[in-house]
Amino acid sequence: MKIVTSLAAAAALALAMPALAQTTAPKMSQADCTAAWTKLDASKAGSVSESQAQGVVTDFKAADTNNDGKLTQTEFTTACDKGLVTASSATGTGGRGMTGSEKTPPKK
């Protein structure tokens, strides 16, 4: 009976692993993280809201360590270190992007 229970637990864990892997992105380099922050905080306000970070920060609540509803550069950098920032969105190579300068085809 213990073997069956252990196998069931192992199977459940194996099934859960892909879902867990999707919650964090590959860790960004410090340079990429700094570049992502610079793009995200283009107005140099010193913090960004949850809506500004949408599509870039995968778990805003986990990144917002003081629960004030915004991220400072320190919180953002910590989120990068934890894999909570998506490199593709932060660098503009996919996802929502952060510059707002997505190329639009010329009007005819």
PDB file of N, CA and C in Angstrom:
ATOM      1  N   MET A   1       0.816  -1.186   0.000  1.00  0.00           N
ATOM      2  CA  MET A   1       0.000   0.000   0.000  1.00  0.00           C
ATOM      3  C   MET A   1       0.866   1.258   0.000  1.00  0.00           C
ATOM      4  N   LYS A   2       1.981   1.230   0.744  1.00  0.00           N
ATOM      5  CA  LYS A   2       2.866   2.384   0.787  1.00  0.00           C
ATOM      6  C   LYS A   2       3.455   2.676  -0.589  1.00  0.00           C
ATOM      7  N   ILE A   3       3.751   1.637  -1.345  1.00  0.00           N
ATOM      8  CA  ILE A   3       4.316   1.819  -2.682  1.00  0.00           C
ATOM      9  C   ILE A   3       3.302   2.515  -3.585  1.00  0.00           C
ATOM     10  N   VAL A   4       2.059   2.095  -3.528  1.00  0.00           N
ATOM     11  CA  VAL A   4       1.011   2.696  -4.347  1.00  0.00           C
ATOM     12  C   VAL A   4       0.847   4.169  -3.982  1.00  0.00           C
ATOM     13  N   THR A   5       0.837   4.486  -2.684  1.00  0.00           N
ATOM     14  CA  THR A   5       0.704   5.866  -2.229  1.00  0.00           C
ATOM     15  C   THR A   5       1.886   6.697  -2.685  1.00  0.00           C
ATOM     16  N   SER A   6       3.081   6.147  -2.587  1.00  0.00           N
ATOM     17  CA  SER A   6       4.284   6.855  -3.019  1.00  0.00           C
ATOM     18  C   SER A   6       4.264   7.101  -4.516  1.00  0.00           C
ATOM     19  N   LEU A   7       3.826   6.108  -5.280  1.00  0.00           N
ATOM     20  CA  LEU A   7       3.740   6.270  -6.729  1.00  0.00           C
ATOM     21  C   LEU A   7       2.699   7.326  -7.102  1.00  0.00           C
ATOM     22  N   ALA A   8       1.585   7.338  -6.401  1.00  0.00           N
ATOM     23  CA  ALA A   8       0.548   8.337  -6.671  1.00  0.00           C
ATOM     24  C   ALA A   8       1.059   9.737  -6.358  1.00  0.00           C
ATOM     25  N   ALA A   9       1.783   9.871  -5.274  1.00  0.00           N
ATOM     26  CA  ALA A   9       2.348  11.175  -4.905  1.00  0.00           C
ATOM     27  C   ALA A   9       3.381  11.612  -5.934  1.00  0.00           C
ATOM     28  N   ALA A  10       4.221  10.697  -6.388  1.00  0.00           N
ATOM     29  CA  ALA A  10       5.232  11.015  -7.398  1.00  0.00           C
ATOM     30  C   ALA A  10       4.572  11.424  -8.709  1.00  0.00           C
ATOM     31  N   ALA A  11       3.510  10.726  -9.080  1.00  0.00           N
ATOM     32  CA  ALA A  11       2.796  11.061 -10.319  1.00  0.00           C
ATOM     33  C   ALA A  11       2.159  12.443 -10.207  1.00  0.00           C
ATOM     34  N   ALA A  12       1.575  12.750  -9.067  1.00  0.00           N
ATOM     35  CA  ALA A  12       0.956  14.063  -8.866  1.00  0.00           C
ATOM     36  C   ALA A  12       2.003  15.165  -8.941  1.00  0.00           C
ATOM     37  N   LEU A  13       3.164  14.930  -8.346  1.00  0.00           N
ATOM     38  CA  LEU A  13       4.244  15.910  -8.393  1.00  0.00           C
ATOM     39  C   LEU A  13       4.743  16.096  -9.820  1.00  0.00           C
ATOM     40  N   ALA A  14       4.886  15.013 -10.554  1.00  0.00           N
ATOM     41  CA  ALA A  14       5.341  15.098 -11.940  1.00  0.00           C
ATOM     42  C   ALA A  14       4.365  15.901 -12.789  1.00  0.00           C
ATOM     43  N   LEU A  15       3.077  15.727 -12.525  1.00  0.00           N
ATOM     44  CA  LEU A  15       2.075  16.481 -13.265  1.00  0.00           C
ATOM     45  C   LEU A  15       2.086  17.957 -12.882  1.00  0.00           C
ATOM     46  N   ALA A  16       2.417  18.266 -11.649  1.00  0.00           N
ATOM     47  CA  ALA A  16       2.417  19.646 -11.174  1.00  0.00           C
ATOM     48  C   ALA A  16       3.663  20.405 -11.610  1.00  0.00           C
ATOM     49  N   MET A  17       4.746  19.734 -11.880  1.00  0.00           N
ATOM     50  CA  MET A  17       6.009  20.400 -12.204  1.00  0.00           C
ATOM     51  C   MET A  17       5.906  21.349 -13.395  1.00  0.00           C
ATOM     52  N   PRO A  18       5.278  20.985 -14.523  1.00  0.00           N
ATOM     53  CA  PRO A  18       5.185  21.945 -15.617  1.00  0.00           C
ATOM     54  C   PRO A  18       4.446  23.217 -15.204  1.00  0.00           C
ATOM     55  N   ALA A  19       3.428  23.096 -14.398  1.00  0.00           N
ATOM     56  CA  ALA A  19       2.687  24.278 -13.944  1.00  0.00           C
ATOM     57  C   ALA A  19       3.561  25.144 -13.059  1.00  0.00           C
ATOM     58  N   LEU A  20       4.345  24.532 -12.192  1.00  0.00           N
ATOM     59  CA  LEU A  20       5.249  25.294 -11.342  1.00  0.00           C
ATOM     60  C   LEU A  20       6.331  25.974 -12.160  1.00  0.00           C
ATOM     61  N   ALA A  21       6.827  25.319 -13.178  1.00  0.00           N
ATOM     62  CA  ALA A  21       7.878  25.882 -14.012  1.00  0.00           C
ATOM     63  C   ALA A  21       7.400  27.115 -14.761  1.00  0.00           C
ATOM     64  N   GLN A  22       6.116  27.212 -15.037  1.00  0.00           N
ATOM     65  CA  GLN A  22       5.600  28.338 -15.785  1.00  0.00           C
ATOM     66  C   GLN A  22       5.435  29.585 -14.933  1.00  0.00           C
ATOM     67  N   THR A  23       5.507  29.471 -13.614  1.00  0.00           N
ATOM     68  CA  THR A  23       5.295  30.628 -12.758  1.00  0.00           C
ATOM     69  C   THR A  23       6.532  31.491 -12.631  1.00  0.00           C
ATOM     70  N   THR A  24       7.697  30.969 -12.958  1.00  0.00           N
ATOM     71  CA  THR A  24       8.908  31.764 -12.917  1.00  0.00           C
ATOM     72  C   THR A  24       9.617  31.687 -14.256  1.00  0.00           C
ATOM     73  N   ALA A  25      10.235  32.792 -14.613  1.00  0.00           N
ATOM     74  CA  ALA A  25      10.964  32.868 -15.866  1.00  0.00           C
ATOM     75  C   ALA A  25      12.427  32.541 -15.593  1.00  0.00           C
ATOM     76  N   PRO A  26      13.199  32.262 -16.642  1.00  0.00           N
ATOM     77  CA  PRO A  26      14.628  32.086 -16.432  1.00  0.00           C
ATOM     78  C   PRO A  26      15.198  33.370 -15.822  1.00  0.00           C
ATOM     79  N   LYS A  27      16.126  33.228 -14.906  1.00  0.00           N
ATOM     80  CA  LYS A  27      16.700  34.390 -14.237  1.00  0.00           C
ATOM     81  C   LYS A  27      17.406  35.284 -15.251  1.00  0.00           C
ATOM     82  N   MET A  28      17.109  36.568 -15.164  1.00  0.00           N
ATOM     83  CA  MET A  28      17.715  37.550 -16.062  1.00  0.00           C
ATOM     84  C   MET A  28      19.078  37.967 -15.526  1.00  0.00           C
ATOM     85  N   SER A  29      19.948  38.399 -16.417  1.00  0.00           N
ATOM     86  CA  SER A  29      21.220  38.954 -15.979  1.00  0.00           C
ATOM     87  C   SER A  29      20.956  40.313 -15.326  1.00  0.00           C
ATOM     88  N   GLN A  30      21.893  40.776 -14.540  1.00  0.00           N
ATOM     89  CA  GLN A  30      21.749  42.074 -13.884  1.00  0.00           C
ATOM     90  C   GLN A  30      21.616  43.186 -14.929  1.00  0.00           C
ATOM     91  N   ALA A  31      22.367  43.096 -16.017  1.00  0.00           N
ATOM     92  CA  ALA A  31      22.301  44.113 -17.074  1.00  0.00           C
ATOM     93  C   ALA A  31      20.927  44.117 -17.739  1.00  0.00           C
ATOM     94  N   ASP A  32      20.377  42.921 -18.010  1.00  0.00           N
ATOM     95  CA  ASP A  32      19.052  42.837 -18.627  1.00  0.00           C
ATOM     96  C   ASP A  32      17.980  43.367 -17.677  1.00  0.00           C
ATOM     97  N   CYS A  33      18.142  43.065 -16.396  1.00  0.00           N
ATOM     98  CA  CYS A  33      17.182  43.535 -15.404  1.00  0.00           C
ATOM     99  C   CYS A  33      17.206  45.069 -15.326  1.00  0.00           C
ATOM    100  N   THR A  34      18.390  45.641 -15.312  1.00  0.00           N
ATOM    101  CA  THR A  34      18.519  47.100 -15.262  1.00  0.00           C
ATOM    102  C   THR A  34      17.925  47.733 -16.516  1.00  0.00           C
ATOM    103  N   ALA A  35      18.183  47.137 -17.657  1.00  0.00           N
ATOM    104  CA  ALA A  35      17.627  47.652 -18.913  1.00  0.00           C
ATOM    105  C   ALA A  35      16.101  47.550 -18.907  1.00  0.00           C
ATOM    106  N   ALA A  36      15.579  46.451 -18.374  1.00  0.00           N
ATOM    107  CA  ALA A  36      14.125  46.273 -18.304  1.00  0.00           C
ATOM    108  C   ALA A  36      13.511  47.326 -17.386  1.00  0.00           C
ATOM    109  N   TRP A  37      14.154  47.596 -16.250  1.00  0.00           N
ATOM    110  CA  TRP A  37      13.638  48.623 -15.334  1.00  0.00           C
ATOM    111  C   TRP A  37      13.638  49.987 -16.006  1.00  0.00           C
ATOM    112  N   THR A  38      14.697  50.302 -16.723  1.00  0.00           N
ATOM    113  CA  THR A  38      14.804  51.592 -17.407  1.00  0.00           C
ATOM    114  C   THR A  38      13.666  51.773 -18.402  1.00  0.00           C
ATOM    115  N   LYS A  39      13.333  50.725 -19.124  1.00  0.00           N
ATOM    116  CA  LYS A  39      12.220  50.785 -20.072  1.00  0.00           C
ATOM    117  C   LYS A  39      10.880  50.877 -19.352  1.00  0.00           C
ATOM    118  N   LEU A  40      10.745  50.094 -18.280  1.00  0.00           N
ATOM    119  CA  LEU A  40       9.480  50.063 -17.552  1.00  0.00           C
ATOM    120  C   LEU A  40       9.208  51.396 -16.860  1.00  0.00           C
ATOM    121  N   ASP A  41      10.220  51.983 -16.251  1.00  0.00           N
ATOM    122  CA  ASP A  41      10.083  53.264 -15.552  1.00  0.00           C
ATOM    123  C   ASP A  41      10.610  54.391 -16.438  1.00  0.00           C
ATOM    124  N   ALA A  42      10.087  54.472 -17.651  1.00  0.00           N
ATOM    125  CA  ALA A  42      10.556  55.469 -18.615  1.00  0.00           C
ATOM    126  C   ALA A  42      10.352  56.899 -18.113  1.00  0.00           C
ATOM    127  N   SER A  43       9.339  57.125 -17.288  1.00  0.00           N
ATOM    128  CA  SER A  43       9.076  58.469 -16.778  1.00  0.00           C
ATOM    129  C   SER A  43       9.968  58.812 -15.586  1.00  0.00           C
ATOM    130  N   LYS A  44      10.765  57.855 -15.162  1.00  0.00           N
ATOM    131  CA  LYS A  44      11.682  58.018 -14.028  1.00  0.00           C
ATOM    132  C   LYS A  44      10.959  58.414 -12.742  1.00  0.00           C
ATOM    133  N   ALA A  45       9.785  57.832 -12.537  1.00  0.00           N
ATOM    134  CA  ALA A  45       8.996  58.097 -11.336  1.00  0.00           C
ATOM    135  C   ALA A  45       9.581  57.398 -10.108  1.00  0.00           C
ATOM    136  N   GLY A  46      10.383  56.372 -10.321  1.00  0.00           N
ATOM    137  CA  GLY A  46      10.977  55.640  -9.211  1.00  0.00           C
ATOM    138  C   GLY A  46      10.176  54.434  -8.777  1.00  0.00           C
ATOM    139  N   SER A  47       8.998  54.279  -9.337  1.00  0.00           N
ATOM    140  CA  SER A  47       8.177  53.110  -9.047  1.00  0.00           C
ATOM    141  C   SER A  47       7.229  52.885 -10.210  1.00  0.00           C
ATOM    142  N   VAL A  48       6.705  51.653 -10.292  1.00  0.00           N
ATOM    143  CA  VAL A  48       5.741  51.310 -11.333  1.00  0.00           C
ATOM    144  C   VAL A  48       4.553  50.610 -10.694  1.00  0.00           C
ATOM    145  N   SER A  49       3.393  50.816 -11.280  1.00  0.00           N
ATOM    146  CA  SER A  49       2.164  50.211 -10.774  1.00  0.00           C
ATOM    147  C   SER A  49       2.015  48.791 -11.301  1.00  0.00           C
ATOM    148  N   GLU A  50       1.034  48.097 -10.756  1.00  0.00           N
ATOM    149  CA  GLU A  50       0.760  46.734 -11.210  1.00  0.00           C
ATOM    150  C   GLU A  50       0.357  46.731 -12.682  1.00  0.00           C
ATOM    151  N   SER A  51      -0.431  47.703 -13.100  1.00  0.00           N
ATOM    152  CA  SER A  51      -0.851  47.735 -14.507  1.00  0.00           C
ATOM    153  C   SER A  51       0.328  48.011 -15.430  1.00  0.00           C
ATOM    154  N   GLN A  52       1.287  48.837 -14.999  1.00  0.00           N
ATOM    155  CA  GLN A  52       2.480  49.082 -15.810  1.00  0.00           C
ATOM    156  C   GLN A  52       3.336  47.824 -15.919  1.00  0.00           C
ATOM    157  N   ALA A  53       3.365  47.031 -14.859  1.00  0.00           N
ATOM    158  CA  ALA A  53       4.212  45.841 -14.819  1.00  0.00           C
ATOM    159  C   ALA A  53       3.555  44.628 -15.452  1.00  0.00           C
ATOM    160  N   GLN A  54       2.268  44.744 -15.809  1.00  0.00           N
ATOM    161  CA  GLN A  54       1.534  43.622 -16.391  1.00  0.00           C
ATOM    162  C   GLN A  54       2.236  43.125 -17.643  1.00  0.00           C
ATOM    163  N   GLY A  55       2.396  41.830 -17.741  1.00  0.00           N
ATOM    164  CA  GLY A  55       3.055  41.230 -18.893  1.00  0.00           C
ATOM    165  C   GLY A  55       4.567  41.180 -18.751  1.00  0.00           C
ATOM    166  N   VAL A  56       5.097  41.822 -17.709  1.00  0.00           N
ATOM    167  CA  VAL A  56       6.536  41.838 -17.477  1.00  0.00           C
ATOM    168  C   VAL A  56       6.861  41.109 -16.174  1.00  0.00           C
ATOM    169  N   VAL A  57       6.103  41.406 -15.130  1.00  0.00           N
ATOM    170  CA  VAL A  57       6.275  40.763 -13.829  1.00  0.00           C
ATOM    171  C   VAL A  57       5.219  39.669 -13.719  1.00  0.00           C
ATOM    172  N   THR A  58       5.665  38.434 -13.522  1.00  0.00           N
ATOM    173  CA  THR A  58       4.740  37.301 -13.549  1.00  0.00           C
ATOM    174  C   THR A  58       3.914  37.160 -12.282  1.00  0.00           C
ATOM    175  N   ASP A  59       4.415  37.647 -11.159  1.00  0.00           N
ATOM    176  CA  ASP A  59       3.678  37.562  -9.894  1.00  0.00           C
ATOM    177  C   ASP A  59       3.892  38.876  -9.139  1.00  0.00           C
ATOM    178  N   PHE A  60       3.051  39.859  -9.448  1.00  0.00           N
ATOM    179  CA  PHE A  60       3.220  41.200  -8.882  1.00  0.00           C
ATOM    180  C   PHE A  60       3.144  41.169  -7.364  1.00  0.00           C
ATOM    181  N   LYS A  61       2.209  40.412  -6.811  1.00  0.00           N
ATOM    182  CA  LYS A  61       2.043  40.375  -5.349  1.00  0.00           C
ATOM    183  C   LYS A  61       3.297  39.852  -4.662  1.00  0.00           C
ATOM    184  N   ALA A  62       3.953  38.873  -5.252  1.00  0.00           N
ATOM    185  CA  ALA A  62       5.201  38.351  -4.683  1.00  0.00           C
ATOM    186  C   ALA A  62       6.337  39.365  -4.831  1.00  0.00           C
ATOM    187  N   ALA A  63       6.322  40.127  -5.911  1.00  0.00           N
ATOM    188  CA  ALA A  63       7.376  41.120  -6.149  1.00  0.00           C
ATOM    189  C   ALA A  63       7.208  42.353  -5.260  1.00  0.00           C
ATOM    190  N   ASP A  64       5.970  42.708  -4.956  1.00  0.00           N
ATOM    191  CA  ASP A  64       5.662  43.893  -4.148  1.00  0.00           C
ATOM    192  C   ASP A  64       5.803  43.535  -2.667  1.00  0.00           C
ATOM    193  N   THR A  65       7.020  43.504  -2.192  1.00  0.00           N
ATOM    194  CA  THR A  65       7.300  42.980  -0.853  1.00  0.00           C
ATOM    195  C   THR A  65       6.723  43.829   0.276  1.00  0.00           C
ATOM    196  N   ASN A  66       6.508  45.123   0.055  1.00  0.00           N
ATOM    197  CA  ASN A  66       5.919  45.945   1.124  1.00  0.00           C
ATOM    198  C   ASN A  66       4.421  46.166   0.915  1.00  0.00           C
ATOM    199  N   ASN A  67       3.859  45.513  -0.102  1.00  0.00           N
ATOM    200  CA  ASN A  67       2.413  45.529  -0.363  1.00  0.00           C
ATOM    201  C   ASN A  67       1.823  46.935  -0.500  1.00  0.00           C
ATOM    202  N   ASP A  68       2.565  47.826  -1.153  1.00  0.00           N
ATOM    203  CA  ASP A  68       2.040  49.185  -1.334  1.00  0.00           C
ATOM    204  C   ASP A  68       1.414  49.402  -2.713  1.00  0.00           C
ATOM    205  N   GLY A  69       1.341  48.343  -3.528  1.00  0.00           N
ATOM    206  CA  GLY A  69       0.700  48.440  -4.829  1.00  0.00           C
ATOM    207  C   GLY A  69       1.595  48.969  -5.935  1.00  0.00           C
ATOM    208  N   LYS A  70       2.886  49.120  -5.649  1.00  0.00           N
ATOM    209  CA  LYS A  70       3.830  49.555  -6.680  1.00  0.00           C
ATOM    210  C   LYS A  70       5.181  48.909  -6.424  1.00  0.00           C
ATOM    211  N   LEU A  71       5.989  48.861  -7.465  1.00  0.00           N
ATOM    212  CA  LEU A  71       7.320  48.282  -7.352  1.00  0.00           C
ATOM    213  C   LEU A  71       8.370  49.373  -7.455  1.00  0.00           C
ATOM    214  N   THR A  72       9.314  49.350  -6.527  1.00  0.00           N
ATOM    215  CA  THR A  72      10.486  50.207  -6.631  1.00  0.00           C
ATOM    216  C   THR A  72      11.530  49.456  -7.450  1.00  0.00           C
ATOM    217  N   GLN A  73      12.613  50.127  -7.782  1.00  0.00           N
ATOM    218  CA  GLN A  73      13.670  49.450  -8.528  1.00  0.00           C
ATOM    219  C   GLN A  73      14.268  48.314  -7.694  1.00  0.00           C
ATOM    220  N   THR A  74      14.380  48.502  -6.402  1.00  0.00           N
ATOM    221  CA  THR A  74      14.906  47.444  -5.531  1.00  0.00           C
ATOM    222  C   THR A  74      13.995  46.219  -5.558  1.00  0.00           C
ATOM    223  N   GLU A  75      12.684  46.440  -5.453  1.00  0.00           N
ATOM    224  CA  GLU A  75      11.742  45.317  -5.508  1.00  0.00           C
ATOM    225  C   GLU A  75      11.793  44.649  -6.882  1.00  0.00           C
ATOM    226  N   PHE A  76      11.898  45.444  -7.932  1.00  0.00           N
ATOM    227  CA  PHE A  76      11.966  44.904  -9.291  1.00  0.00           C
ATOM    228  C   PHE A  76      13.223  44.054  -9.469  1.00  0.00           C
ATOM    229  N   THR A  77      14.352  44.550  -8.966  1.00  0.00           N
ATOM    230  CA  THR A  77      15.611  43.810  -9.073  1.00  0.00           C
ATOM    231  C   THR A  77      15.532  42.493  -8.313  1.00  0.00           C
ATOM    232  N   THR A  78      14.935  42.527  -7.137  1.00  0.00           N
ATOM    233  CA  THR A  78      14.743  41.301  -6.366  1.00  0.00           C
ATOM    234  C   THR A  78      13.843  40.332  -7.127  1.00  0.00           C
ATOM    235  N   ALA A  79      12.794  40.868  -7.769  1.00  0.00           N
ATOM    236  CA  ALA A  79      11.898  40.032  -8.581  1.00  0.00           C
ATOM    237  C   ALA A  79      12.659  39.406  -9.744  1.00  0.00           C
ATOM    238  N   CYS A  80      13.573  40.154 -10.343  1.00  0.00           N
ATOM    239  CA  CYS A  80      14.414  39.596 -11.414  1.00  0.00           C
ATOM    240  C   CYS A  80      15.223  38.422 -10.882  1.00  0.00           C
ATOM    241  N   ASP A  81      15.827  38.622  -9.709  1.00  0.00           N
ATOM    242  CA  ASP A  81      16.652  37.577  -9.107  1.00  0.00           C
ATOM    243  C   ASP A  81      15.850  36.320  -8.783  1.00  0.00           C
ATOM    244  N   LYS A  82      14.565  36.500  -8.495  1.00  0.00           N
ATOM    245  CA  LYS A  82      13.696  35.366  -8.175  1.00  0.00           C
ATOM    246  C   LYS A  82      13.068  34.751  -9.415  1.00  0.00           C
ATOM    247  N   GLY A  83      13.331  35.307 -10.601  1.00  0.00           N
ATOM    248  CA  GLY A  83      12.748  34.781 -11.832  1.00  0.00           C
ATOM    249  C   GLY A  83      11.314  35.221 -12.052  1.00  0.00           C
ATOM    250  N   LEU A  84      10.914  36.338 -11.433  1.00  0.00           N
ATOM    251  CA  LEU A  84       9.541  36.827 -11.563  1.00  0.00           C
ATOM    252  C   LEU A  84       9.369  37.842 -12.683  1.00  0.00           C
ATOM    253  N   VAL A  85      10.435  38.129 -13.429  1.00  0.00           N
ATOM    254  CA  VAL A  85      10.367  39.076 -14.542  1.00  0.00           C
ATOM    255  C   VAL A  85      10.649  38.308 -15.819  1.00  0.00           C
ATOM    256  N   THR A  86       9.781  38.489 -16.815  1.00  0.00           N
ATOM    257  CA  THR A  86       9.946  37.773 -18.076  1.00  0.00           C
ATOM    258  C   THR A  86      10.901  38.539 -18.981  1.00  0.00           C
ATOM    259  N   ALA A  87      11.928  37.864 -19.414  1.00  0.00           N
ATOM    260  CA  ALA A  87      12.942  38.496 -20.252  1.00  0.00           C
ATOM    261  C   ALA A  87      12.367  38.931 -21.591  1.00  0.00           C
ATOM    262  N   SER A  88      11.492  38.123 -22.194  1.00  0.00           N
ATOM    263  CA  SER A  88      10.984  38.464 -23.523  1.00  0.00           C
ATOM    264  C   SER A  88      10.156  39.744 -23.499  1.00  0.00           C
ATOM    265  N   SER A  89       9.304  39.909 -22.497  1.00  0.00           N
ATOM    266  CA  SER A  89       8.493  41.120 -22.417  1.00  0.00           C
ATOM    267  C   SER A  89       9.338  42.314 -22.016  1.00  0.00           C
ATOM    268  N   ALA A  90      10.278  42.091 -21.132  1.00  0.00           N
ATOM    269  CA  ALA A  90      11.086  43.187 -20.629  1.00  0.00           C
ATOM    270  C   ALA A  90      12.021  43.731 -21.690  1.00  0.00           C
ATOM    271  N   THR A  91      12.459  42.886 -22.599  1.00  0.00           N
ATOM    272  CA  THR A  91      13.400  43.343 -23.611  1.00  0.00           C
ATOM    273  C   THR A  91      12.715  43.693 -24.922  1.00  0.00           C
ATOM    274  N   GLY A  92      11.410  43.512 -24.963  1.00  0.00           N
ATOM    275  CA  GLY A  92      10.670  43.887 -26.161  1.00  0.00           C
ATOM    276  C   GLY A  92      10.728  42.864 -27.268  1.00  0.00           C
ATOM    277  N   THR A  93      11.142  41.624 -26.958  1.00  0.00           N
ATOM    278  CA  THR A  93      11.248  40.622 -28.012  1.00  0.00           C
ATOM    279  C   THR A  93      10.025  39.739 -28.101  1.00  0.00           C
ATOM    280  N   GLY A  94       9.017  40.042 -27.318  1.00  0.00           N
ATOM    281  CA  GLY A  94       7.800  39.256 -27.367  1.00  0.00           C
ATOM    282  C   GLY A  94       6.852  39.735 -26.304  1.00  0.00           C
ATOM    283  N   GLY A  95       5.683  39.156 -26.250  1.00  0.00           N
ATOM    284  CA  GLY A  95       4.723  39.541 -25.231  1.00  0.00           C
ATOM    285  C   GLY A  95       4.224  40.951 -25.411  1.00  0.00           C
ATOM    286  N   ARG A  96       3.890  41.616 -24.338  1.00  0.00           N
ATOM    287  CA  ARG A  96       3.281  42.934 -24.343  1.00  0.00           C
ATOM    288  C   ARG A  96       4.279  44.020 -24.725  1.00  0.00           C
ATOM    289  N   GLY A  97       5.523  43.831 -24.386  1.00  0.00           N
ATOM    290  CA  GLY A  97       6.505  44.866 -24.636  1.00  0.00           C
ATOM    291  C   GLY A  97       6.346  45.989 -23.634  1.00  0.00           C
ATOM    292  N   MET A  98       7.307  46.905 -23.580  1.00  0.00           N
ATOM    293  CA  MET A  98       7.227  47.943 -22.577  1.00  0.00           C
ATOM    294  C   MET A  98       7.392  49.336 -23.149  1.00  0.00           C
ATOM    295  N   THR A  99       7.791  49.473 -24.378  1.00  0.00           N
ATOM    296  CA  THR A  99       8.079  50.796 -24.886  1.00  0.00           C
ATOM    297  C   THR A  99       6.863  51.481 -25.462  1.00  0.00           C
ATOM    298  N   GLY A 100       5.858  50.711 -25.820  1.00  0.00           N
ATOM    299  CA  GLY A 100       4.688  51.298 -26.461  1.00  0.00           C
ATOM    300  C   GLY A 100       4.979  51.688 -27.894  1.00  0.00           C
ATOM    301  N   SER A 101       6.133  51.305 -28.410  1.00  0.00           N
ATOM    302  CA  SER A 101       6.517  51.683 -29.753  1.00  0.00           C
ATOM    303  C   SER A 101       6.472  50.501 -30.709  1.00  0.00           C
ATOM    304  N   GLU A 102       5.496  49.617 -30.489  1.00  0.00           N
ATOM    305  CA  GLU A 102       5.376  48.476 -31.378  1.00  0.00           C
ATOM    306  C   GLU A 102       5.179  48.995 -32.801  1.00  0.00           C
ATOM    307  N   LYS A 103       5.837  48.346 -33.720  1.00  0.00           N
ATOM    308  CA  LYS A 103       5.784  48.800 -35.104  1.00  0.00           C
ATOM    309  C   LYS A 103       4.407  48.537 -35.692  1.00  0.00           C
ATOM    310  N   THR A 104       3.858  49.546 -36.327  1.00  0.00           N
ATOM    311  CA  THR A 104       2.560  49.444 -36.970  1.00  0.00           C
ATOM    312  C   THR A 104       2.804  49.517 -38.462  1.00  0.00           C
ATOM    313  N   PRO A 105       2.146  48.642 -39.232  1.00  0.00           N
ATOM    314  CA  PRO A 105       2.353  48.703 -40.676  1.00  0.00           C
ATOM    315  C   PRO A 105       1.907  50.065 -41.229  1.00  0.00           C
ATOM    316  N   PRO A 106       2.582  50.568 -42.240  1.00  0.00           N
ATOM    317  CA  PRO A 106       2.198  51.853 -42.813  1.00  0.00           C
ATOM    318  C   PRO A 106       0.773  51.814 -43.369  1.00  0.00           C
ATOM    319  N   LYS A 107       0.077  52.931 -43.216  1.00  0.00           N
ATOM    320  CA  LYS A 107      -1.282  53.020 -43.743  1.00  0.00           C
ATOM    321  C   LYS A 107      -1.218  53.205 -45.242  1.00  0.00           C
ATOM    322  N   LYS A 108      -2.168  52.591 -45.921  1.00  0.00           N
ATOM    323  CA  LYS A 108      -2.192  52.692 -47.393  1.00  0.00           C
ATOM    324  C   LYS A 108      -3.237  53.680 -47.824  1.00  0.00           C
TER     325      LYS A 108
END
